[in-house]
Amino acid sequence: MLLKAEKITKQFLRESRNTNQFCAVQETDFTLEAGSFAILTGRSGSGKSTFLHMLSGLMTPTSGRVLIQEKEIYSLSDKDLSAFRNQHIGVIPQGQSALYSLNVLENICLPYTLYHKNAHQEEALALMEQLEIAHLQAAYPSELSGGELRRMAIARAFLRKPELILADEPTSDLDDENTKIVFAFLQKAAREGAAVLAVTHETDVSQFADKVFCMKAGVLTEQNSL
């Protein structure tokens, strides 16, 4: 078992009333095995991204624990958690996360260069080839379309061959053809041993996944087996 969440919740105080507590994610247990691809669906505002951020080490749960490879990640210091995430987790964020002073290849190589390691440009170029952006290696983010920026972020998340891949709307800027390319790419990563979870609004990609979950008003449920 690679990822395990035990009774995690996330609550916020609304700005208008300090006593008005809002529960974005109800108490939830969740596991994700190595070699498994899970999809999480649900309407906007249902708690999907909050849930994903807690699993990825980016948002501390109000209660509960998140364990990755049996390590309780929120017991780590901020520095150690950042290093652990860099080494073991590939996060594909929902928004744009490019550094506009770097070209595409440099952006993709960031997971290595942040920790003063070799850039592994050959691996980066191979990923870019698979995602059909190899011709953009010298371009800068300001020159890219939304879909190209999305595929750059995907390549960066995969560069260190992470054991856990967490994707938040990885195809939100892509057309149907490229959406299928990306989900096939995620499926291939799972078949090669990674644990993969993708949050999506796409309605026709369940065939790529081993399990499909739905979140409604902060409550996570598993859908019928595929």
Protein backbone atom coordinates (compact mmCIF):
# COMPACT_ATOMS: atom_id res chain seq x y z
CA MET A 1 0.00 0.00 0.00
CA LEU A 2 1.69 3.20 -1.15
CA LEU A 3 -0.78 5.90 -0.03
CA LYS A 4 -3.08 5.75 2.96
CA ALA A 5 -5.26 8.50 4.41
CA GLU A 6 -6.81 7.84 7.80
CA LYS A 7 -9.87 9.84 8.87
CA ILE A 8 -8.68 13.06 7.26
CA THR A 9 -10.86 16.16 7.35
CA LYS A 10 -10.44 19.78 6.29
CA GLN A 11 -12.35 22.64 7.86
CA PHE A 12 -12.16 26.37 7.17
CA LEU A 13 -13.52 29.45 8.90
CA ARG A 14 -15.49 31.70 6.59
CA GLU A 15 -13.99 35.20 6.49
CA SER A 16 -17.29 36.93 7.16
CA ARG A 17 -17.93 35.06 10.41
CA ASN A 18 -15.09 33.68 12.50
CA THR A 19 -17.45 31.19 14.12
CA ASN A 20 -18.96 29.93 10.87
CA GLN A 21 -17.01 26.76 10.22
CA PHE A 22 -17.11 25.17 6.79
CA CYS A 23 -16.15 21.51 6.30
CA ALA A 24 -14.63 21.12 2.82
CA VAL A 25 -13.78 17.42 3.29
CA GLN A 26 -15.72 15.18 5.65
CA GLU A 27 -13.91 12.43 7.58
CA THR A 28 -12.42 10.20 4.91
CA ASP A 29 -10.35 7.03 4.65
CA PHE A 30 -8.58 6.37 1.36
CA THR A 31 -5.92 4.00 0.03
CA LEU A 32 -4.10 3.83 -3.28
CA GLU A 33 -1.92 0.90 -4.21
CA ALA A 34 1.21 0.97 -6.35
CA GLY A 35 0.26 0.13 -9.93
CA SER A 36 -3.28 1.50 -9.55
CA PHE A 37 -4.94 4.36 -11.44
CA ALA A 38 -7.87 6.08 -9.72
CA ILE A 39 -10.04 8.91 -11.01
CA LEU A 40 -11.90 11.36 -8.75
CA THR A 41 -14.89 13.20 -10.17
CA GLY A 42 -17.37 15.70 -8.75
CA ARG A 43 -18.74 19.17 -9.27
CA SER A 44 -16.71 22.32 -8.70
CA GLY A 45 -16.58 23.17 -5.01
CA SER A 46 -17.18 19.60 -3.87
CA GLY A 47 -13.79 19.32 -2.12
CA LYS A 48 -11.82 17.40 -4.76
CA SER A 49 -8.83 19.75 -4.98
CA THR A 50 -8.70 20.19 -1.21
CA PHE A 51 -8.61 16.42 -0.83
CA LEU A 52 -5.83 16.11 -3.41
CA HIS A 53 -3.79 18.86 -1.75
CA MET A 54 -3.95 17.04 1.58
CA LEU A 55 -2.74 13.82 -0.03
CA SER A 56 0.14 15.61 -1.75
CA GLY A 57 1.57 17.32 1.33
CA LEU A 58 0.44 20.78 0.26
CA MET A 59 -2.37 21.32 2.79
CA THR A 60 -2.35 20.07 6.37
CA PRO A 61 -5.55 18.20 7.31
CA THR A 62 -7.60 19.55 10.19
CA SER A 63 -7.57 16.01 11.58
CA GLY A 64 -6.35 12.59 10.52
CA ARG A 65 -3.13 11.28 9.01
CA VAL A 66 -1.64 10.86 5.53
CA LEU A 67 0.94 8.10 5.08
CA ILE A 68 3.06 7.55 1.99
CA GLN A 69 5.25 4.46 2.02
CA GLU A 70 4.26 4.13 5.71
CA LYS A 71 5.71 7.59 6.47
CA GLU A 72 3.34 10.06 8.12
CA ILE A 73 4.12 13.04 5.92
CA TYR A 74 2.71 15.79 8.14
CA SER A 75 5.00 14.73 10.98
CA LEU A 76 7.92 15.96 8.85
CA SER A 77 9.37 19.46 9.02
CA ASP A 78 8.53 21.79 6.13
CA LYS A 79 12.03 21.31 4.72
CA ASP A 80 11.91 17.53 4.96
CA LEU A 81 8.37 17.39 3.56
CA SER A 82 9.41 19.48 0.55
CA ALA A 83 12.36 17.16 -0.09
CA PHE A 84 10.15 14.07 0.34
CA ARG A 85 7.56 15.45 -2.07
CA ASN A 86 10.25 16.30 -4.63
CA GLN A 87 11.63 12.77 -4.49
CA HIS A 88 8.48 10.67 -4.25
CA ILE A 89 5.43 12.65 -5.47
CA GLY A 90 4.66 14.08 -8.88
CA VAL A 91 2.08 16.84 -8.55
CA ILE A 92 0.28 18.23 -11.59
CA PRO A 93 -1.42 21.41 -10.32
CA GLN A 94 -4.68 22.78 -11.63
CA GLY A 95 -3.38 26.29 -12.33
CA GLN A 96 -0.33 27.41 -14.26
CA SER A 97 2.93 26.89 -12.36
CA ALA A 98 5.57 27.81 -14.93
CA LEU A 99 8.51 30.06 -14.18
CA TYR A 100 8.36 32.57 -17.00
CA SER A 101 12.08 33.41 -16.83
CA LEU A 102 12.94 29.81 -17.81
CA ASN A 103 12.36 28.08 -21.10
CA VAL A 104 10.27 24.91 -21.41
CA LEU A 105 13.15 22.47 -21.00
CA GLU A 106 14.47 24.36 -17.96
CA ASN A 107 11.00 24.39 -16.40
CA ILE A 108 10.67 20.64 -16.84
CA CYS A 109 14.10 20.02 -15.30
CA LEU A 110 13.27 22.00 -12.14
CA PRO A 111 12.66 18.93 -9.89
CA TYR A 112 16.35 18.13 -10.30
CA THR A 113 17.89 21.58 -10.44
CA LEU A 114 16.11 22.75 -7.29
CA TYR A 115 18.22 20.27 -5.35
CA HIS A 116 21.41 20.90 -7.34
CA LYS A 117 21.30 17.62 -9.18
CA ASN A 118 21.98 16.83 -12.81
CA ALA A 119 19.20 18.11 -15.02
CA HIS A 120 18.58 14.80 -16.85
CA GLN A 121 17.79 16.57 -20.10
CA GLU A 122 17.61 13.33 -22.09
CA GLU A 123 14.78 12.05 -19.88
CA ALA A 124 13.05 15.43 -20.12
CA LEU A 125 13.26 15.41 -23.91
CA ALA A 126 11.88 11.86 -24.04
CA LEU A 127 8.86 12.93 -21.99
CA MET A 128 8.38 15.99 -24.18
CA GLU A 129 8.41 13.74 -27.24
CA GLN A 130 5.68 11.53 -25.77
CA LEU A 131 3.58 14.60 -24.97
CA GLU A 132 4.25 16.14 -28.39
CA ILE A 133 6.00 19.29 -27.13
CA ALA A 134 9.63 18.39 -27.97
CA HIS A 135 9.72 21.14 -30.60
CA LEU A 136 9.04 23.72 -27.86
CA GLN A 137 12.09 23.02 -25.67
CA ALA A 138 13.64 26.47 -26.27
CA ALA A 139 10.35 28.38 -26.10
CA TYR A 140 9.28 30.40 -23.06
CA PRO A 141 5.97 29.96 -21.21
CA SER A 142 4.65 33.28 -22.52
CA GLU A 143 4.83 31.79 -26.03
CA LEU A 144 2.81 28.67 -25.18
CA SER A 145 -0.89 27.93 -25.34
CA GLY A 146 -2.77 26.78 -22.25
CA GLY A 147 -2.65 23.19 -23.45
CA GLU A 148 1.09 23.34 -24.07
CA LEU A 149 1.66 24.76 -20.58
CA ARG A 150 -0.41 21.90 -19.18
CA ARG A 151 1.67 19.28 -20.98
CA MET A 152 4.87 20.97 -19.77
CA ALA A 153 3.62 20.65 -16.18
CA ILE A 154 2.84 16.97 -16.77
CA ALA A 155 6.36 16.31 -18.09
CA ARG A 156 7.86 18.07 -15.07
CA ALA A 157 5.78 15.99 -12.65
CA PHE A 158 6.97 12.77 -14.32
CA LEU A 159 10.66 13.62 -14.65
CA ARG A 160 11.85 11.99 -11.41
CA LYS A 161 9.75 8.88 -12.03
CA PRO A 162 7.76 9.41 -8.80
CA GLU A 163 6.05 6.52 -7.06
CA LEU A 164 2.93 8.64 -6.51
CA ILE A 165 1.36 10.91 -9.13
CA LEU A 166 -1.43 13.31 -8.14
CA ALA A 167 -3.03 15.28 -10.96
CA ASP A 168 -5.56 18.09 -10.50
CA GLU A 169 -7.56 18.59 -13.72
CA PRO A 170 -4.60 17.58 -15.94
CA THR A 171 -6.58 18.05 -19.16
CA SER A 172 -8.55 21.21 -18.41
CA ASP A 173 -6.93 23.10 -21.33
CA LEU A 174 -6.75 20.22 -23.80
CA ASP A 175 -8.89 19.11 -26.72
CA ASP A 176 -10.39 15.63 -26.93
CA GLU A 177 -7.43 14.09 -28.76
CA ASN A 178 -4.84 15.40 -26.31
CA THR A 179 -7.07 14.52 -23.35
CA LYS A 180 -6.92 10.89 -24.42
CA ILE A 181 -3.13 11.12 -24.87
CA VAL A 182 -2.71 12.43 -21.33
CA PHE A 183 -4.99 9.85 -19.72
CA ALA A 184 -3.27 7.06 -21.64
CA PHE A 185 0.02 8.51 -20.37
CA LEU A 186 -1.24 8.40 -16.76
CA GLN A 187 -2.54 4.87 -17.27
CA LYS A 188 0.85 3.77 -18.62
CA ALA A 189 2.56 5.20 -15.51
CA ALA A 190 0.28 3.10 -13.32
CA ARG A 191 0.93 -0.01 -15.39
CA GLU A 192 4.64 0.60 -14.83
CA GLY A 193 4.15 0.64 -11.04
CA ALA A 194 3.19 4.17 -9.98
CA ALA A 195 0.13 4.96 -7.89
CA VAL A 196 -1.90 7.53 -9.83
CA LEU A 197 -4.87 9.67 -8.79
CA ALA A 198 -6.41 12.21 -11.18
CA VAL A 199 -9.11 14.74 -10.36
CA THR A 200 -11.15 15.47 -13.47
CA HIS A 201 -14.37 16.84 -14.87
CA GLU A 202 -14.00 14.68 -17.98
CA THR A 203 -16.95 12.32 -18.37
CA ASP A 204 -15.54 9.81 -20.85
CA VAL A 205 -12.18 8.76 -19.39
CA SER A 206 -13.28 6.18 -16.81
CA GLN A 207 -12.12 3.40 -19.14
CA PHE A 208 -8.53 4.36 -18.38
CA ALA A 209 -8.90 3.88 -14.58
CA ASP A 210 -8.98 0.92 -12.23
CA LYS A 211 -11.25 2.74 -9.78
CA VAL A 212 -13.53 5.76 -10.00
CA PHE A 213 -14.47 7.87 -6.98
CA CYS A 214 -16.89 10.75 -6.65
CA MET A 215 -16.88 13.59 -4.13
CA LYS A 216 -20.08 15.40 -3.24
CA ALA A 217 -20.22 18.08 -0.53
CA GLY A 218 -16.95 16.79 0.91
CA VAL A 219 -18.04 13.14 1.06
CA LEU A 220 -15.99 10.61 -0.90
CA THR A 221 -17.66 7.51 -2.36
CA GLU A 222 -16.39 4.80 -4.67
CA GLN A 223 -18.42 4.22 -7.82
CA ASN A 224 -19.32 0.85 -9.26
CA SER A 225 -16.32 -1.27 -10.18
CA LEU A 226 -15.23 -0.97 -13.78
